[in-house]
Protein backbone atom coordinates (compact mmCIF):
# COMPACT_ATOMS: atom_id res chain seq x y z
CA MET A 1 -0.03 0.12 0.04
CA THR A 2 2.99 2.47 0.76
CA ASN A 3 3.71 1.98 -3.00
CA ASN A 4 0.63 2.78 -3.82
CA LYS A 5 0.35 6.08 -2.44
CA GLU A 6 3.81 6.94 -3.33
CA PHE A 7 3.12 6.15 -6.94
CA ASN A 8 -0.55 7.65 -6.59
CA ASP A 9 0.94 11.07 -5.26
CA TYR A 10 3.42 10.97 -7.96
CA ILE A 11 0.81 10.63 -10.99
CA LYS A 12 -1.72 13.09 -9.39
CA LYS A 13 1.34 15.82 -9.01
CA GLU A 14 2.46 15.31 -12.60
CA MET A 15 -0.96 15.12 -14.24
CA LYS A 16 -1.75 18.66 -12.42
CA GLU A 17 1.57 20.36 -12.88
CA SER A 18 3.15 19.03 -15.93
CA TRP A 19 1.92 16.39 -18.08
CA ASN A 20 -0.19 17.87 -21.28
CA PHE A 21 -2.73 14.77 -20.98
CA PRO A 22 -6.78 15.34 -21.83
CA GLY A 23 -7.02 12.46 -19.84
CA LEU A 24 -4.87 9.42 -18.00
CA ALA A 25 -5.75 6.13 -16.66
CA ILE A 26 -3.37 3.45 -15.45
CA SER A 27 -3.86 -0.34 -13.98
CA ILE A 28 -1.17 -1.87 -12.09
CA PHE A 29 -1.40 -5.91 -11.79
CA ASN A 30 -0.05 -9.14 -10.57
CA SER A 31 -0.63 -12.35 -11.23
CA SER A 32 -2.97 -12.13 -8.28
CA GLY A 33 -4.90 -9.14 -9.20
CA ILE A 34 -4.92 -5.54 -9.69
CA ILE A 35 -2.76 -3.74 -7.12
CA TYR A 36 -3.63 0.14 -8.72
CA ASN A 37 -6.04 1.72 -10.64
CA TYR A 38 -6.25 5.30 -11.61
CA ALA A 39 -8.54 7.50 -13.79
CA ASP A 40 -8.35 11.15 -14.23
CA GLY A 41 -9.01 14.26 -16.40
CA PHE A 42 -11.31 14.48 -19.39
CA SER A 43 -12.38 11.97 -21.72
CA ASP A 44 -13.45 14.93 -24.08
CA LEU A 45 -12.20 18.22 -23.08
CA LYS A 46 -15.42 19.38 -25.59
CA THR A 47 -18.06 18.36 -23.59
CA LYS A 48 -15.68 18.29 -20.38
CA ARG A 49 -16.88 14.55 -19.69
CA HIS A 50 -14.49 13.27 -17.13
CA LEU A 51 -12.59 10.16 -17.90
CA GLN A 52 -13.93 6.97 -16.01
CA LEU A 53 -12.00 3.64 -15.71
CA THR A 54 -14.92 1.83 -17.93
CA ASP A 55 -14.27 4.48 -20.78
CA LYS A 56 -12.82 2.54 -24.17
CA PHE A 57 -9.54 3.90 -25.66
CA CYS A 58 -8.53 3.05 -29.21
CA ILE A 59 -5.60 0.42 -28.44
CA ALA A 60 -3.95 0.65 -31.72
CA SER A 61 -1.27 -1.79 -32.14
CA CYS A 62 -1.70 -3.38 -28.62
CA SER A 63 -4.48 -5.29 -30.34
CA LYS A 64 -1.53 -7.14 -32.50
CA SER A 65 -0.66 -9.93 -30.09
CA MET A 66 -4.71 -10.81 -29.60
CA PHE A 67 -5.00 -10.99 -33.20
CA CYS A 68 -2.05 -13.43 -32.81
CA MET A 69 -3.37 -15.34 -30.10
CA ALA A 70 -6.68 -15.30 -31.89
CA ILE A 71 -4.97 -17.39 -34.72
CA THR A 72 -2.89 -19.50 -33.02
CA SER A 73 -5.97 -20.73 -30.85
CA LEU A 74 -7.30 -21.66 -34.35
CA ILE A 75 -4.35 -23.71 -35.02
CA VAL A 76 -4.28 -25.58 -31.56
CA ASN A 77 -7.72 -26.13 -32.07
CA ASP A 78 -7.16 -27.92 -35.67
CA LYS A 79 -9.91 -25.10 -36.63
CA ILE A 80 -7.32 -23.86 -39.33
CA PRO A 81 -3.69 -25.57 -40.49
CA ASN A 82 -0.61 -24.20 -39.07
CA ILE A 83 -0.23 -21.02 -41.32
CA TRP A 84 2.63 -19.45 -39.29
CA GLU A 85 5.08 -22.45 -41.02
CA MET A 86 2.88 -21.97 -44.38
CA LYS A 87 4.37 -20.03 -47.23
CA ILE A 88 1.80 -16.79 -48.27
CA SER A 89 1.84 -18.65 -51.56
CA ASP A 90 -0.05 -21.49 -50.28
CA LEU A 91 -2.68 -19.36 -49.13
CA TRP A 92 -3.11 -16.38 -51.71
CA PHE A 93 -3.30 -17.05 -55.29
CA SER A 94 -3.11 -13.60 -56.72
CA ASP A 95 0.20 -12.43 -58.95
CA ILE A 96 2.44 -12.23 -55.71
CA HIS A 97 6.28 -10.87 -56.67
CA PHE A 98 8.31 -13.62 -56.73
CA LYS A 99 10.58 -12.45 -53.56
CA LEU A 100 7.48 -13.04 -51.60
CA LYS A 101 6.10 -16.35 -52.70
CA ASN A 102 8.30 -18.34 -50.27
CA ILE A 103 8.35 -16.03 -47.16
CA LYS A 104 6.79 -17.73 -44.46
CA VAL A 105 3.19 -16.45 -42.73
CA LYS A 106 4.84 -15.54 -39.23
CA TYR A 107 7.30 -12.79 -40.93
CA LEU A 108 4.03 -10.82 -41.50
CA ALA A 109 3.30 -11.08 -37.76
CA CYS A 110 6.86 -9.87 -36.66
CA HIS A 111 7.27 -6.83 -39.37
CA SER A 112 10.18 -8.97 -41.19
CA PHE A 113 8.05 -9.40 -44.82
CA GLY A 114 9.88 -6.77 -46.63
CA ILE A 115 7.05 -4.26 -47.23
CA SER A 116 6.79 -0.96 -44.66
CA ASP A 117 3.79 1.40 -44.31
CA PHE A 118 2.95 4.10 -46.67
CA ASP A 119 3.36 7.00 -44.31
CA ASP A 120 6.14 8.56 -46.17
CA LYS A 121 4.54 7.67 -49.66
CA PRO A 122 0.96 9.82 -49.88
CA LYS A 123 0.98 9.52 -53.66
CA LYS A 124 0.80 5.81 -53.45
CA MET A 125 -1.31 5.63 -50.68
CA GLU A 126 -3.77 7.85 -52.54
CA LYS A 127 -3.60 6.02 -55.54
CA ILE A 128 -4.31 2.90 -53.56
CA LEU A 129 -7.35 4.40 -51.86
CA LYS A 130 -8.66 5.53 -55.34
CA ASP A 131 -8.25 1.84 -56.73
CA LEU A 132 -10.52 0.52 -53.59
CA LYS A 133 -13.00 3.20 -53.49
CA ASP A 134 -16.05 1.70 -55.15
CA LEU A 135 -15.85 -1.89 -53.46
CA SER A 136 -17.33 -3.46 -50.71
CA PRO A 137 -15.22 -3.94 -47.17
CA LYS A 138 -14.46 -7.28 -48.02
CA GLN A 139 -13.65 -6.46 -51.55
CA ARG A 140 -11.67 -3.76 -50.38
CA ARG A 141 -9.31 -5.67 -48.38
CA LYS A 142 -8.70 -8.36 -50.92
CA LYS A 143 -8.22 -6.03 -53.68
CA LEU A 144 -5.59 -4.29 -51.22
CA VAL A 145 -3.75 -7.69 -50.59
CA ASP A 146 -3.52 -8.14 -54.04
CA ILE A 147 -1.84 -4.83 -54.53
CA LEU A 148 0.49 -5.27 -51.67
CA LEU A 149 1.86 -8.99 -52.62
CA SER A 150 2.10 -7.66 -56.33
CA MET A 151 5.13 -5.11 -55.13
CA GLU A 152 8.66 -5.55 -54.62
CA PRO A 153 9.87 -5.77 -51.01
CA GLU A 154 11.90 -2.82 -50.36
CA ASN A 155 13.63 -4.32 -46.93
CA LYS A 156 15.36 -7.23 -46.11
CA ILE A 157 13.20 -10.06 -45.56
CA LYS A 158 13.53 -12.38 -42.60
CA GLU A 159 16.49 -10.40 -41.36
CA GLU A 160 15.34 -7.00 -40.11
CA VAL A 161 11.92 -5.78 -38.50
CA GLU A 162 10.34 -2.93 -40.51
CA TYR A 163 7.42 -1.98 -38.70
CA SER A 164 4.56 -2.60 -40.99
CA ASN A 165 1.06 -2.48 -40.29
CA LEU A 166 0.31 -3.61 -43.97
CA GLY A 167 1.43 -6.89 -42.73
CA TYR A 168 -1.62 -7.21 -40.50
CA VAL A 169 -3.74 -6.23 -43.19
CA ILE A 170 -2.19 -9.31 -45.12
CA LEU A 171 -2.62 -11.52 -42.21
CA ALA A 172 -6.65 -10.61 -41.70
CA ALA A 173 -7.38 -11.30 -45.47
CA ILE A 174 -5.78 -14.48 -45.02
CA ILE A 175 -7.84 -15.33 -42.11
CA GLU A 176 -10.94 -14.07 -43.07
CA LYS A 177 -10.36 -16.33 -46.22
CA LEU A 178 -9.80 -19.59 -44.47
CA THR A 179 -12.52 -18.79 -41.57
CA ASN A 180 -15.31 -16.87 -43.61
CA LYS A 181 -15.50 -14.54 -40.26
CA SER A 182 -14.03 -11.10 -40.05
CA TYR A 183 -11.08 -10.41 -38.07
CA GLU A 184 -13.12 -8.92 -35.40
CA GLU A 185 -15.33 -11.92 -35.04
CA ILE A 186 -11.90 -13.94 -34.52
CA ILE A 187 -10.53 -11.97 -31.83
CA GLU A 188 -13.73 -12.17 -30.01
CA GLU A 189 -14.83 -15.66 -30.13
CA ASN A 190 -10.95 -16.81 -29.56
CA VAL A 191 -9.60 -14.24 -27.00
CA LEU A 192 -11.85 -11.63 -25.58
CA ASN A 193 -14.92 -13.53 -24.85
CA PRO A 194 -13.02 -16.30 -22.92
CA LEU A 195 -11.63 -13.72 -20.97
CA LYS A 196 -15.30 -11.55 -20.52
CA ILE A 197 -13.77 -8.69 -21.88
CA ASP A 198 -16.02 -6.41 -23.56
CA PRO A 199 -14.46 -4.72 -27.05
CA CYS A 200 -15.72 -2.37 -29.34
CA PHE A 201 -14.87 -1.96 -32.86
CA ASP A 202 -17.23 1.29 -33.52
CA LYS A 203 -16.05 4.76 -32.83
CA GLU A 204 -19.63 5.71 -32.49
CA LYS A 205 -20.71 3.57 -29.64
CA GLU A 206 -20.73 4.94 -26.02
CA ASN A 207 -17.94 5.49 -23.63
CA ILE A 208 -15.57 6.00 -26.51
CA VAL A 209 -12.81 8.27 -25.42
CA ASN A 210 -11.95 11.12 -27.71
CA GLY A 211 -9.08 11.49 -29.18
CA HIS A 212 -7.15 15.32 -29.18
CA TYR A 213 -4.33 16.88 -31.41
CA SER A 214 -1.25 17.97 -29.55
CA LEU A 215 2.62 18.78 -29.96
CA TRP A 216 4.08 18.18 -26.64
CA TRP A 217 2.90 16.28 -23.37
CA ASP A 218 4.61 19.15 -21.43
CA LYS A 219 2.48 21.67 -19.72
CA SER A 220 5.28 24.10 -19.86
CA LYS A 221 5.22 24.39 -23.63
CA GLY A 222 1.97 26.18 -23.59
CA ASN A 223 0.42 23.67 -26.36
CA GLN A 224 -3.16 23.69 -26.93
CA LEU A 225 -5.15 19.88 -26.71
CA ILE A 226 -7.85 20.41 -29.39
CA PRO A 227 -10.26 17.59 -29.26
CA LEU A 228 -11.40 15.95 -32.67
CA GLU A 229 -14.44 16.70 -34.57
CA LYS A 230 -16.67 13.49 -35.51
CA ASP A 231 -15.49 12.37 -39.04
CA GLN A 232 -12.15 14.18 -38.48
CA PHE A 233 -10.22 11.05 -38.45
CA ILE A 234 -11.07 8.72 -40.93
CA SER A 235 -9.78 5.09 -40.42
CA HIS A 236 -10.29 3.17 -43.90
CA VAL A 237 -12.03 -0.05 -43.30
CA PRO A 238 -9.23 -2.11 -45.07
CA PHE A 239 -6.79 -0.69 -42.82
CA HIS A 240 -8.78 -1.39 -39.69
CA SER A 241 -6.85 -5.19 -38.77
CA PRO A 242 -3.77 -3.54 -37.70
CA GLY A 243 -5.43 -2.19 -34.60
CA LEU A 244 -8.70 -0.29 -34.65
CA VAL A 245 -10.13 -1.97 -30.93
CA TYR A 246 -11.50 -0.32 -28.19
CA MET A 247 -11.12 -1.58 -24.98
CA SER A 248 -10.90 0.06 -21.11
CA ILE A 249 -8.14 0.05 -18.91
CA LEU A 250 -9.73 -2.27 -16.82
CA ASP A 251 -10.08 -4.61 -19.58
CA SER A 252 -6.57 -4.20 -21.00
CA ALA A 253 -5.14 -4.91 -17.62
CA LYS A 254 -7.15 -8.44 -17.56
CA TYR A 255 -5.74 -9.33 -20.95
CA CYS A 256 -2.35 -8.26 -19.81
CA GLN A 257 -2.79 -10.47 -16.29
CA GLU A 258 -3.38 -13.09 -18.19
CA TYR A 259 -0.01 -13.66 -19.08
CA LEU A 260 1.63 -13.02 -15.93
CA LYS A 261 -0.69 -15.94 -14.76
CA VAL A 262 0.14 -18.59 -17.28
CA ILE A 263 3.89 -17.84 -17.08
CA ASN A 264 3.89 -17.83 -13.54
CA GLY A 265 2.21 -21.09 -13.15
CA VAL A 266 -0.98 -19.30 -11.85
CA GLU A 267 -4.34 -21.25 -13.27
CA GLY A 268 -5.50 -19.01 -16.12
CA ILE A 269 -8.02 -19.39 -19.16
CA LEU A 270 -5.73 -18.85 -21.81
CA ASN A 271 -3.41 -21.72 -23.41
CA GLU A 272 0.24 -21.70 -21.84
CA GLY A 273 1.53 -23.09 -25.11
CA ILE A 274 -0.13 -19.99 -27.12
CA ILE A 275 1.42 -17.77 -24.59
CA ARG A 276 4.54 -18.75 -24.39
CA LYS A 277 4.61 -19.12 -28.60
CA LEU A 278 3.42 -15.54 -28.76
CA THR A 279 6.14 -14.21 -26.56
CA THR A 280 9.38 -15.89 -28.19
CA PRO A 281 11.29 -13.59 -30.39
CA ILE A 282 10.98 -14.46 -34.29
CA VAL A 283 13.44 -11.81 -35.92
CA ASP A 284 15.52 -9.62 -33.54
CA ASP A 285 13.22 -9.02 -30.21
CA TYR A 286 9.92 -8.87 -31.90
CA GLY A 287 7.46 -12.19 -31.60
CA TYR A 288 3.76 -12.41 -32.32
CA GLY A 289 2.63 -9.31 -31.84
CA TRP A 290 4.77 -8.42 -28.75
CA GLU A 291 8.33 -7.07 -28.09
CA ILE A 292 10.45 -8.90 -25.67
CA ASP A 293 13.77 -7.38 -24.46
CA GLU A 294 16.93 -9.02 -23.06
CA ASP A 295 15.32 -9.33 -19.36
CA GLY A 296 12.41 -10.97 -20.74
CA ASP A 297 10.22 -7.85 -20.33
CA ILE A 298 7.18 -8.23 -22.50
CA THR A 299 5.68 -4.96 -24.12
CA HIS A 300 3.91 -3.19 -27.24
CA ASP A 301 2.89 0.21 -27.82
CA GLY A 302 0.28 1.95 -29.78
CA ASP A 303 -1.09 5.12 -31.63
CA TRP A 304 -3.87 5.80 -33.26
CA GLN A 305 -6.92 7.92 -33.53
CA HIS A 306 -5.21 10.22 -31.45
CA ASN A 307 -5.24 7.62 -28.44
CA SER A 308 -2.02 6.47 -27.02
CA SER A 309 -1.52 2.85 -25.04
CA GLU A 310 1.42 1.19 -23.58
CA TYR A 311 1.27 -2.32 -22.39
CA LEU A 312 4.14 -3.82 -19.99
CA ILE A 313 4.46 -7.41 -18.78
CA CYS A 314 7.34 -8.38 -16.25
CA PRO A 315 6.97 -11.99 -15.72
CA GLU A 316 10.22 -12.28 -13.32
CA ASP A 317 9.05 -9.94 -11.33
CA ASP A 318 5.41 -10.58 -11.33
CA ILE A 319 4.04 -7.62 -12.13
CA GLY A 320 2.92 -5.60 -15.28
CA ILE A 321 1.12 -1.64 -16.28
CA VAL A 322 -1.23 -0.71 -18.70
CA ILE A 323 -1.24 3.16 -19.74
CA MET A 324 -3.70 5.02 -21.77
CA THR A 325 -4.14 8.76 -22.83
CA ASN A 326 -6.44 10.52 -25.27
CA THR A 327 -3.65 12.13 -27.28
CA GLU A 328 -1.21 10.83 -29.86
CA GLU A 329 2.38 9.74 -29.71
CA ALA A 330 2.50 10.40 -25.64
CA ASP A 331 6.01 9.75 -24.04
CA PHE A 332 4.91 7.18 -20.88
CA CYS A 333 9.04 6.58 -20.41
CA GLU A 334 8.57 8.90 -17.22
CA ILE A 335 5.72 6.87 -15.83
CA ILE A 336 7.47 3.54 -16.64
CA ASN A 337 10.81 4.70 -14.90
CA LYS A 338 8.61 5.60 -11.83
CA PHE A 339 6.73 2.46 -11.97
CA ARG A 340 9.83 0.62 -12.03
CA ASP A 341 11.51 2.36 -9.31
CA ILE A 342 8.62 2.08 -6.83
CA PHE A 343 7.39 -1.60 -7.75
CA ILE A 344 10.55 -3.06 -9.26
CA THR A 345 13.66 -2.90 -6.86
């Protein structure tokens, strides 16, 4: 309890005096239960709605491990073949570039299949979106994957991690083809429902935290936080699978806590073999939707819809933390360092 008070006093002081966050939610947990919860500030500065622990943030790329877990669960339960060890050309029959034909599907999950995102190529992105314009959502994803797999890889395949949301777009299309279900259904049925987690895939639902524009997380910079207007941030349907999932801080902590339970020998709901597979690096320090550092800590962050999230699981110390705020590219290093100082010594 002393640790909780010290950490809480620190968070409240910095939230008031230093950090330029509209709202901030934190949950700290171990394999036995929740140690600490915090929610303060506003879900939306325009409406002045106060942030609640049950409000849902866009967790963005923090959902990648959930998708990988769902896929691996389907494999373990013999509902689909072991696609991780299969070649892309065994599962997708369009005109695939010869350099991509023999790449195993697992390299999509660890961002090592050679094609990076189009963030620095707006003209290419604009042309692709134009080609997808008049198609249904399912047709759009298929067409997008046909385009991506026909492209020549720009980066070294299987040798280096070059972060790519597009890999998860391809992964979603493959799984949707195999199961005839959407990636949302696959995640819910195989991961979230067993954990009794209530996600959301629709920004228009209630209790969704609104994102805010910001340039600095330091209040001393004098930067104004501006709430997003309705429909201001458009996420194109074919690109949803890399992370358009909304979850509360409590449900995120429940998901991460399951890893601590299973790894530390406490009975959990999810499969131990699956969790250990997901947290084993494939290329460099990247596994199936997780980064694993040299100390064995498991982590991932997410940034989309002007929301930021961080998941950190420390199995050796039997503790973890989830942090969420509703502004983009938030730097949580200070909070993580303080967490380590107080709870891991």
